[in-house]
């Protein structure tokens, strides 16, 4: 691999870490770039390798959020365990089955998400829903399993889906939802990484330099999100949902 290709991969890793730290969706930048710039490798190998920088960037971003936001660790621990298992299962299924048939469904869901977020100006601006402890855990289990599986099986936009679910179902604001999403994303990435490690599908010469750049982007993106607050994150969220929508639209109608 030449130096220019590696520099481009590192640039895309930085941008992915920056965007992902604010509102998720870094996979929209990093994965297509990796597939385009590393055509000599199987797609599964590229995906497995890119999970390493994704994990690193998310970890550094989560550390920044935790300085500002308080989380309920028993809830987070349960969600991480469930999401890890679901992502592992999703990646296992991806290794034997195409995910193409799911993309039209996700495309419709993204249209609904974009319209809903745009029309509700106060969406995610405050913590505004009170649920019983039992209700919270019931929703937490459902969200972790469904989106965790999605992250392992399809991937792009999983962080944004976690944020959307935490706001609309659990009543979090964007900052709290983003913090939880980062922590859960760590476990889904780890679930996929575990599978790809077992299969020997990691290009460490690519993954390690990209991890450094993704981490730098993650730190800067998280600092910006915390400084700007919920309204800024809402706008960024809309942009990423729209970009995800365009990505799936391209895959469905033009590819």
C-alpha atoms as a PDB file:
ATOM      1  CA  UNK A   1       0.000   0.000   0.000  1.00  0.00           C
ATOM      2  CA  UNK A   2       1.432   3.424  -0.960  1.00  0.00           C
ATOM      3  CA  UNK A   3       1.838   6.409   1.347  1.00  0.00           C
ATOM      4  CA  UNK A   4      -0.869   8.497  -0.363  1.00  0.00           C
ATOM      5  CA  UNK A   5      -3.481   5.802   0.203  1.00  0.00           C
ATOM      6  CA  UNK A   6      -2.555   5.592   3.877  1.00  0.00           C
ATOM      7  CA  UNK A   7      -2.725   9.370   4.266  1.00  0.00           C
ATOM      8  CA  UNK A   8      -6.192   9.440   2.691  1.00  0.00           C
ATOM      9  CA  UNK A   9      -7.372   6.632   4.974  1.00  0.00           C
ATOM     10  CA  UNK A  10      -6.079   8.559   7.987  1.00  0.00           C
ATOM     11  CA  UNK A  11      -7.829  11.738   6.832  1.00  0.00           C
ATOM     12  CA  UNK A  12     -11.138   9.902   6.471  1.00  0.00           C
ATOM     13  CA  UNK A  13     -10.580   8.276   9.874  1.00  0.00           C
ATOM     14  CA  UNK A  14     -10.121  11.707  11.467  1.00  0.00           C
ATOM     15  CA  UNK A  15     -13.308  13.044   9.825  1.00  0.00           C
ATOM     16  CA  UNK A  16     -15.232   9.914  10.831  1.00  0.00           C
ATOM     17  CA  UNK A  17     -14.091  10.236  14.440  1.00  0.00           C
ATOM     18  CA  UNK A  18     -15.029  13.922  14.511  1.00  0.00           C
ATOM     19  CA  UNK A  19     -18.530  13.394  13.094  1.00  0.00           C
ATOM     20  CA  UNK A  20     -19.187  10.235  15.087  1.00  0.00           C
ATOM     21  CA  UNK A  21     -18.281  11.944  18.358  1.00  0.00           C
ATOM     22  CA  UNK A  22     -20.928  14.612  17.797  1.00  0.00           C
ATOM     23  CA  UNK A  23     -23.900  12.532  16.735  1.00  0.00           C
ATOM     24  CA  UNK A  24     -22.848   9.143  15.351  1.00  0.00           C
ATOM     25  CA  UNK A  25     -22.644   8.181  11.697  1.00  0.00           C
ATOM     26  CA  UNK A  26     -18.867   8.081  11.334  1.00  0.00           C
ATOM     27  CA  UNK A  27     -19.206   4.789   9.491  1.00  0.00           C
ATOM     28  CA  UNK A  28     -20.801   6.713   6.613  1.00  0.00           C
ATOM     29  CA  UNK A  29     -17.418   8.344   6.034  1.00  0.00           C
ATOM     30  CA  UNK A  30     -14.923   5.686   7.039  1.00  0.00           C
ATOM     31  CA  UNK A  31     -16.434   2.517   5.560  1.00  0.00           C
ATOM     32  CA  UNK A  32     -17.031   3.729   1.968  1.00  0.00           C
ATOM     33  CA  UNK A  33     -13.550   5.290   1.968  1.00  0.00           C
ATOM     34  CA  UNK A  34     -11.996   2.034   3.151  1.00  0.00           C
ATOM     35  CA  UNK A  35     -13.804  -0.053   0.539  1.00  0.00           C
ATOM     36  CA  UNK A  36     -12.866   2.406  -2.218  1.00  0.00           C
ATOM     37  CA  UNK A  37      -9.199   2.762  -1.225  1.00  0.00           C
ATOM     38  CA  UNK A  38      -8.587  -0.916  -0.381  1.00  0.00           C
ATOM     39  CA  UNK A  39     -10.226  -2.737  -3.324  1.00  0.00           C
ATOM     40  CA  UNK A  40      -7.599  -5.516  -3.201  1.00  0.00           C
ATOM     41  CA  UNK A  41      -8.994  -6.844   0.095  1.00  0.00           C
ATOM     42  CA  UNK A  42     -12.321  -8.625   0.790  1.00  0.00           C
ATOM     43  CA  UNK A  43     -15.061  -6.321   2.094  1.00  0.00           C
ATOM     44  CA  UNK A  44     -15.304  -8.328   5.340  1.00  0.00           C
ATOM     45  CA  UNK A  45     -11.577  -7.779   5.965  1.00  0.00           C
ATOM     46  CA  UNK A  46     -11.924  -4.035   5.370  1.00  0.00           C
ATOM     47  CA  UNK A  47     -14.973  -3.848   7.650  1.00  0.00           C
ATOM     48  CA  UNK A  48     -13.202  -5.778  10.382  1.00  0.00           C
ATOM     49  CA  UNK A  49     -10.112  -3.575  10.153  1.00  0.00           C
ATOM     50  CA  UNK A  50     -12.133  -0.360  10.324  1.00  0.00           C
ATOM     51  CA  UNK A  51     -13.865  -1.491  13.516  1.00  0.00           C
ATOM     52  CA  UNK A  52     -10.560  -0.926  15.353  1.00  0.00           C
ATOM     53  CA  UNK A  53     -10.329   2.853  14.637  1.00  0.00           C
ATOM     54  CA  UNK A  54     -14.089   3.152  15.183  1.00  0.00           C
ATOM     55  CA  UNK A  55     -13.697   1.624  18.642  1.00  0.00           C
ATOM     56  CA  UNK A  56     -10.698   3.832  19.495  1.00  0.00           C
ATOM     57  CA  UNK A  57     -12.350   7.078  18.424  1.00  0.00           C
ATOM     58  CA  UNK A  58     -15.550   6.220  20.269  1.00  0.00           C
ATOM     59  CA  UNK A  59     -13.595   5.423  23.445  1.00  0.00           C
ATOM     60  CA  UNK A  60     -11.849   8.810  23.487  1.00  0.00           C
ATOM     61  CA  UNK A  61     -15.093  10.623  22.659  1.00  0.00           C
ATOM     62  CA  UNK A  62     -16.926   8.786  25.442  1.00  0.00           C
ATOM     63  CA  UNK A  63     -14.247   9.861  27.912  1.00  0.00           C
ATOM     64  CA  UNK A  64     -14.913  13.518  27.029  1.00  0.00           C
ATOM     65  CA  UNK A  65     -18.687  13.116  27.439  1.00  0.00           C
ATOM     66  CA  UNK A  66     -18.322  11.410  30.810  1.00  0.00           C
ATOM     67  CA  UNK A  67     -16.638  14.531  32.179  1.00  0.00           C
ATOM     68  CA  UNK A  68     -19.900  16.405  31.578  1.00  0.00           C
ATOM     69  CA  UNK A  69     -22.714  13.844  31.810  1.00  0.00           C
ATOM     70  CA  UNK A  70     -23.645  11.489  34.651  1.00  0.00           C
ATOM     71  CA  UNK A  71     -24.769   8.005  33.643  1.00  0.00           C
ATOM     72  CA  UNK A  72     -26.507   5.155  35.457  1.00  0.00           C
ATOM     73  CA  UNK A  73     -23.823   2.465  35.308  1.00  0.00           C
ATOM     74  CA  UNK A  74     -26.026  -0.593  36.041  1.00  0.00           C
ATOM     75  CA  UNK A  75     -28.166   0.380  33.036  1.00  0.00           C
ATOM     76  CA  UNK A  76     -25.130   1.019  30.870  1.00  0.00           C
ATOM     77  CA  UNK A  77     -23.550  -2.290  31.893  1.00  0.00           C
ATOM     78  CA  UNK A  78     -26.677  -4.238  30.939  1.00  0.00           C
ATOM     79  CA  UNK A  79     -26.992  -2.403  27.628  1.00  0.00           C
ATOM     80  CA  UNK A  80     -23.331  -3.002  26.776  1.00  0.00           C
ATOM     81  CA  UNK A  81     -23.623  -6.724  27.467  1.00  0.00           C
ATOM     82  CA  UNK A  82     -26.779  -7.093  25.371  1.00  0.00           C
ATOM     83  CA  UNK A  83     -25.508  -4.909  22.543  1.00  0.00           C
ATOM     84  CA  UNK A  84     -22.174  -6.788  22.445  1.00  0.00           C
ATOM     85  CA  UNK A  85     -23.981 -10.112  22.057  1.00  0.00           C
ATOM     86  CA  UNK A  86     -26.389  -8.748  19.455  1.00  0.00           C
ATOM     87  CA  UNK A  87     -23.598  -7.145  17.391  1.00  0.00           C
ATOM     88  CA  UNK A  88     -21.596 -10.375  17.484  1.00  0.00           C
ATOM     89  CA  UNK A  89     -24.654 -12.257  16.205  1.00  0.00           C
ATOM     90  CA  UNK A  90     -25.257  -9.622  13.525  1.00  0.00           C
ATOM     91  CA  UNK A  91     -21.666  -9.815  12.271  1.00  0.00           C
ATOM     92  CA  UNK A  92     -21.866 -13.616  12.284  1.00  0.00           C
ATOM     93  CA  UNK A  93     -25.003 -13.448  10.132  1.00  0.00           C
ATOM     94  CA  UNK A  94     -23.344 -10.900   7.824  1.00  0.00           C
ATOM     95  CA  UNK A  95     -20.531 -13.388   7.149  1.00  0.00           C
ATOM     96  CA  UNK A  96     -23.025 -15.849   5.620  1.00  0.00           C
ATOM     97  CA  UNK A  97     -25.933 -13.688   4.432  1.00  0.00           C
ATOM     98  CA  UNK A  98     -26.323 -10.448   2.459  1.00  0.00           C
ATOM     99  CA  UNK A  99     -27.907  -7.492   4.246  1.00  0.00           C
ATOM    100  CA  UNK A 100     -29.225  -5.929   1.027  1.00  0.00           C
ATOM    101  CA  UNK A 101     -32.857  -6.895   1.618  1.00  0.00           C
ATOM    102  CA  UNK A 102     -32.914  -4.919   4.881  1.00  0.00           C
ATOM    103  CA  UNK A 103     -31.849  -1.631   3.317  1.00  0.00           C
ATOM    104  CA  UNK A 104     -35.280  -0.589   1.903  1.00  0.00           C
ATOM    105  CA  UNK A 105     -36.752  -0.999   5.399  1.00  0.00           C
ATOM    106  CA  UNK A 106     -34.027   1.159   6.944  1.00  0.00           C
ATOM    107  CA  UNK A 107     -34.511   3.710   4.144  1.00  0.00           C
ATOM    108  CA  UNK A 108     -38.185   4.184   5.103  1.00  0.00           C
ATOM    109  CA  UNK A 109     -37.307   4.383   8.810  1.00  0.00           C
ATOM    110  CA  UNK A 110     -34.726   7.092   8.106  1.00  0.00           C
ATOM    111  CA  UNK A 111     -37.282   9.200   6.216  1.00  0.00           C
ATOM    112  CA  UNK A 112     -39.589   9.048   9.251  1.00  0.00           C
ATOM    113  CA  UNK A 113     -36.697   9.914  11.613  1.00  0.00           C
ATOM    114  CA  UNK A 114     -35.665  12.926   9.494  1.00  0.00           C
ATOM    115  CA  UNK A 115     -39.215  14.309   9.239  1.00  0.00           C
ATOM    116  CA  UNK A 116     -39.904  13.787  12.941  1.00  0.00           C
ATOM    117  CA  UNK A 117     -36.658  15.418  14.091  1.00  0.00           C
ATOM    118  CA  UNK A 118     -37.083  18.383  11.749  1.00  0.00           C
ATOM    119  CA  UNK A 119     -40.715  19.011  12.694  1.00  0.00           C
ATOM    120  CA  UNK A 120     -40.158  18.825  16.489  1.00  0.00           C
ATOM    121  CA  UNK A 121     -37.965  21.829  17.237  1.00  0.00           C
ATOM    122  CA  UNK A 122     -37.665  20.898  20.921  1.00  0.00           C
ATOM    123  CA  UNK A 123     -36.613  17.307  20.158  1.00  0.00           C
ATOM    124  CA  UNK A 124     -33.754  16.310  22.454  1.00  0.00           C
ATOM    125  CA  UNK A 125     -33.380  19.723  24.078  1.00  0.00           C
ATOM    126  CA  UNK A 126     -34.232  18.642  27.629  1.00  0.00           C
ATOM    127  CA  UNK A 127     -34.657  15.483  29.703  1.00  0.00           C
ATOM    128  CA  UNK A 128     -38.446  15.313  29.715  1.00  0.00           C
ATOM    129  CA  UNK A 129     -39.840  11.818  30.176  1.00  0.00           C
ATOM    130  CA  UNK A 130     -40.403   9.958  33.431  1.00  0.00           C
ATOM    131  CA  UNK A 131     -40.612   6.170  33.247  1.00  0.00           C
ATOM    132  CA  UNK A 132     -40.836   3.583  35.982  1.00  0.00           C
ATOM    133  CA  UNK A 133     -37.713   1.546  36.641  1.00  0.00           C
ATOM    134  CA  UNK A 134     -39.370  -1.521  35.130  1.00  0.00           C
ATOM    135  CA  UNK A 135     -40.353   0.380  31.970  1.00  0.00           C
ATOM    136  CA  UNK A 136     -36.852   1.767  31.571  1.00  0.00           C
ATOM    137  CA  UNK A 137     -35.242  -1.667  31.745  1.00  0.00           C
ATOM    138  CA  UNK A 138     -37.801  -3.128  29.338  1.00  0.00           C
ATOM    139  CA  UNK A 139     -37.043  -0.427  26.747  1.00  0.00           C
ATOM    140  CA  UNK A 140     -33.299  -0.668  27.406  1.00  0.00           C
ATOM    141  CA  UNK A 141     -33.276  -4.397  26.626  1.00  0.00           C
ATOM    142  CA  UNK A 142     -35.256  -3.880  23.419  1.00  0.00           C
ATOM    143  CA  UNK A 143     -33.105  -0.962  22.162  1.00  0.00           C
ATOM    144  CA  UNK A 144     -29.835  -2.732  22.950  1.00  0.00           C
ATOM    145  CA  UNK A 145     -30.769  -5.946  21.154  1.00  0.00           C
ATOM    146  CA  UNK A 146     -32.335  -4.399  18.052  1.00  0.00           C
ATOM    147  CA  UNK A 147     -29.811  -1.639  17.341  1.00  0.00           C
ATOM    148  CA  UNK A 148     -26.884  -3.762  18.538  1.00  0.00           C
ATOM    149  CA  UNK A 149     -27.828  -6.427  15.990  1.00  0.00           C
ATOM    150  CA  UNK A 150     -28.269  -3.740  13.328  1.00  0.00           C
ATOM    151  CA  UNK A 151     -24.772  -2.402  14.036  1.00  0.00           C
ATOM    152  CA  UNK A 152     -23.200  -5.818  13.545  1.00  0.00           C
ATOM    153  CA  UNK A 153     -25.298  -6.728  10.497  1.00  0.00           C
ATOM    154  CA  UNK A 154     -25.586  -3.426   8.589  1.00  0.00           C
ATOM    155  CA  UNK A 155     -23.700  -0.773  10.558  1.00  0.00           C
ATOM    156  CA  UNK A 156     -23.938   2.774   9.137  1.00  0.00           C
ATOM    157  CA  UNK A 157     -25.906   5.160  11.333  1.00  0.00           C
ATOM    158  CA  UNK A 158     -26.151   2.864  14.370  1.00  0.00           C
ATOM    159  CA  UNK A 159     -24.960   5.630  16.701  1.00  0.00           C
ATOM    160  CA  UNK A 160     -27.644   7.953  15.326  1.00  0.00           C
ATOM    161  CA  UNK A 161     -30.295   5.266  15.848  1.00  0.00           C
ATOM    162  CA  UNK A 162     -29.194   4.833  19.461  1.00  0.00           C
ATOM    163  CA  UNK A 163     -29.455   8.599  19.999  1.00  0.00           C
ATOM    164  CA  UNK A 164     -32.899   8.713  18.381  1.00  0.00           C
ATOM    165  CA  UNK A 165     -34.124   5.838  20.567  1.00  0.00           C
ATOM    166  CA  UNK A 166     -32.720   7.276  23.786  1.00  0.00           C
ATOM    167  CA  UNK A 167     -34.384  10.638  23.142  1.00  0.00           C
ATOM    168  CA  UNK A 168     -37.771   9.478  21.845  1.00  0.00           C
ATOM    169  CA  UNK A 169     -38.237   6.433  24.112  1.00  0.00           C
ATOM    170  CA  UNK A 170     -36.256   7.190  27.286  1.00  0.00           C
ATOM    171  CA  UNK A 171     -36.645  10.990  27.193  1.00  0.00           C
ATOM    172  CA  UNK A 172     -32.934  11.919  27.227  1.00  0.00           C
ATOM    173  CA  UNK A 173     -31.558  15.159  25.836  1.00  0.00           C
ATOM    174  CA  UNK A 174     -28.954  15.063  23.039  1.00  0.00           C
ATOM    175  CA  UNK A 175     -25.934  15.272  25.338  1.00  0.00           C
ATOM    176  CA  UNK A 176     -27.093  12.430  27.588  1.00  0.00           C
ATOM    177  CA  UNK A 177     -28.246  10.356  24.594  1.00  0.00           C
ATOM    178  CA  UNK A 178     -24.890  10.910  22.885  1.00  0.00           C
ATOM    179  CA  UNK A 179     -23.017   9.789  25.993  1.00  0.00           C
ATOM    180  CA  UNK A 180     -25.017   6.589  26.312  1.00  0.00           C
ATOM    181  CA  UNK A 181     -24.733   5.962  22.565  1.00  0.00           C
ATOM    182  CA  UNK A 182     -20.936   6.227  22.721  1.00  0.00           C
ATOM    183  CA  UNK A 183     -20.718   3.751  25.599  1.00  0.00           C
ATOM    184  CA  UNK A 184     -23.030   1.248  23.902  1.00  0.00           C
ATOM    185  CA  UNK A 185     -21.236   1.706  20.566  1.00  0.00           C
ATOM    186  CA  UNK A 186     -18.041   0.633  22.302  1.00  0.00           C
ATOM    187  CA  UNK A 187     -19.621  -2.712  23.100  1.00  0.00           C
ATOM    188  CA  UNK A 188     -21.152  -3.217  19.633  1.00  0.00           C
ATOM    189  CA  UNK A 189     -17.793  -2.430  18.027  1.00  0.00           C
ATOM    190  CA  UNK A 190     -16.104  -4.814  20.442  1.00  0.00           C
ATOM    191  CA  UNK A 191     -18.623  -7.528  19.573  1.00  0.00           C
ATOM    192  CA  UNK A 192     -17.837  -7.183  15.869  1.00  0.00           C
ATOM    193  CA  UNK A 193     -14.082  -6.902  16.531  1.00  0.00           C
ATOM    194  CA  UNK A 194     -14.168 -10.144  18.528  1.00  0.00           C
ATOM    195  CA  UNK A 195     -15.710 -11.997  15.605  1.00  0.00           C
ATOM    196  CA  UNK A 196     -13.306 -10.512  13.044  1.00  0.00           C
ATOM    197  CA  UNK A 197     -10.335 -11.298  15.312  1.00  0.00           C
ATOM    198  CA  UNK A 198     -11.449 -14.918  15.553  1.00  0.00           C
ATOM    199  CA  UNK A 199     -11.640 -15.005  11.755  1.00  0.00           C
ATOM    200  CA  UNK A 200      -8.236 -13.296  11.378  1.00  0.00           C
ATOM    201  CA  UNK A 201      -9.746 -10.450   9.338  1.00  0.00           C
ATOM    202  CA  UNK A 202      -7.847  -7.445  10.719  1.00  0.00           C
ATOM    203  CA  UNK A 203      -5.267  -5.463   8.702  1.00  0.00           C
ATOM    204  CA  UNK A 204      -3.251  -4.063  11.603  1.00  0.00           C
ATOM    205  CA  UNK A 205      -0.996  -1.956   9.355  1.00  0.00           C
ATOM    206  CA  UNK A 206      -4.146  -0.078   8.312  1.00  0.00           C
ATOM    207  CA  UNK A 207      -6.115  -0.233  11.567  1.00  0.00           C
ATOM    208  CA  UNK A 208      -3.498   1.202  13.924  1.00  0.00           C
ATOM    209  CA  UNK A 209      -2.619   4.478  12.083  1.00  0.00           C
ATOM    210  CA  UNK A 210      -6.312   5.069  11.407  1.00  0.00           C
ATOM    211  CA  UNK A 211      -7.055   4.497  15.108  1.00  0.00           C
ATOM    212  CA  UNK A 212      -4.774   7.366  16.118  1.00  0.00           C
ATOM    213  CA  UNK A 213      -6.475   9.746  13.664  1.00  0.00           C
ATOM    214  CA  UNK A 214      -9.970   8.593  14.588  1.00  0.00           C
ATOM    215  CA  UNK A 215      -9.179   9.154  18.270  1.00  0.00           C
ATOM    216  CA  UNK A 216      -7.987  12.725  17.618  1.00  0.00           C
ATOM    217  CA  UNK A 217     -11.175  13.420  15.652  1.00  0.00           C
ATOM    218  CA  UNK A 218     -13.257  11.870  18.432  1.00  0.00           C
ATOM    219  CA  UNK A 219     -11.723  14.073  21.111  1.00  0.00           C
ATOM    220  CA  UNK A 220     -12.184  17.279  19.090  1.00  0.00           C
ATOM    221  CA  UNK A 221     -15.737  16.378  18.015  1.00  0.00           C
ATOM    222  CA  UNK A 222     -16.826  15.583  21.570  1.00  0.00           C
ATOM    223  CA  UNK A 223     -15.353  18.830  22.913  1.00  0.00           C
ATOM    224  CA  UNK A 224     -17.214  20.814  20.230  1.00  0.00           C
ATOM    225  CA  UNK A 225     -20.525  19.039  20.934  1.00  0.00           C
ATOM    226  CA  UNK A 226     -20.232  19.643  24.681  1.00  0.00           C
ATOM    227  CA  UNK A 227     -19.315  23.306  24.144  1.00  0.00           C
ATOM    228  CA  UNK A 228     -22.090  24.016  21.616  1.00  0.00           C
ATOM    229  CA  UNK A 229     -24.839  22.056  23.382  1.00  0.00           C
ATOM    230  CA  UNK A 230     -28.104  20.389  22.419  1.00  0.00           C
ATOM    231  CA  UNK A 231     -29.324  22.738  19.666  1.00  0.00           C
ATOM    232  CA  UNK A 232     -26.072  22.373  17.719  1.00  0.00           C
ATOM    233  CA  UNK A 233     -26.183  18.575  18.122  1.00  0.00           C
ATOM    234  CA  UNK A 234     -29.796  18.503  16.871  1.00  0.00           C
ATOM    235  CA  UNK A 235     -28.795  20.271  13.637  1.00  0.00           C
ATOM    236  CA  UNK A 236     -25.793  17.980  13.196  1.00  0.00           C
ATOM    237  CA  UNK A 237     -28.044  14.990  13.876  1.00  0.00           C
ATOM    238  CA  UNK A 238     -30.359  16.059  11.051  1.00  0.00           C
ATOM    239  CA  UNK A 239     -27.410  16.382   8.676  1.00  0.00           C
ATOM    240  CA  UNK A 240     -26.131  12.907   9.506  1.00  0.00           C
ATOM    241  CA  UNK A 241     -29.587  11.308   9.232  1.00  0.00           C
ATOM    242  CA  UNK A 242     -29.970  12.957   5.811  1.00  0.00           C
ATOM    243  CA  UNK A 243     -26.532  11.701   4.741  1.00  0.00           C
ATOM    244  CA  UNK A 244     -27.437   8.189   5.926  1.00  0.00           C
ATOM    245  CA  UNK A 245     -30.694   8.439   3.980  1.00  0.00           C
ATOM    246  CA  UNK A 246     -28.810   9.395   0.812  1.00  0.00           C
ATOM    247  CA  UNK A 247     -26.360   6.532   1.339  1.00  0.00           C
ATOM    248  CA  UNK A 248     -29.126   3.935   1.596  1.00  0.00           C
ATOM    249  CA  UNK A 249     -30.996   5.549  -1.296  1.00  0.00           C
ATOM    250  CA  UNK A 250     -27.899   5.165  -3.468  1.00  0.00           C
ATOM    251  CA  UNK A 251     -27.484   1.525  -2.431  1.00  0.00           C
ATOM    252  CA  UNK A 252     -31.141   0.735  -3.176  1.00  0.00           C
ATOM    253  CA  UNK A 253     -31.857   2.711  -6.347  1.00  0.00           C
ATOM    254  CA  UNK A 254     -28.565   3.418  -8.104  1.00  0.00           C
ATOM    255  CA  UNK A 255     -26.105   0.675  -7.236  1.00  0.00           C
END
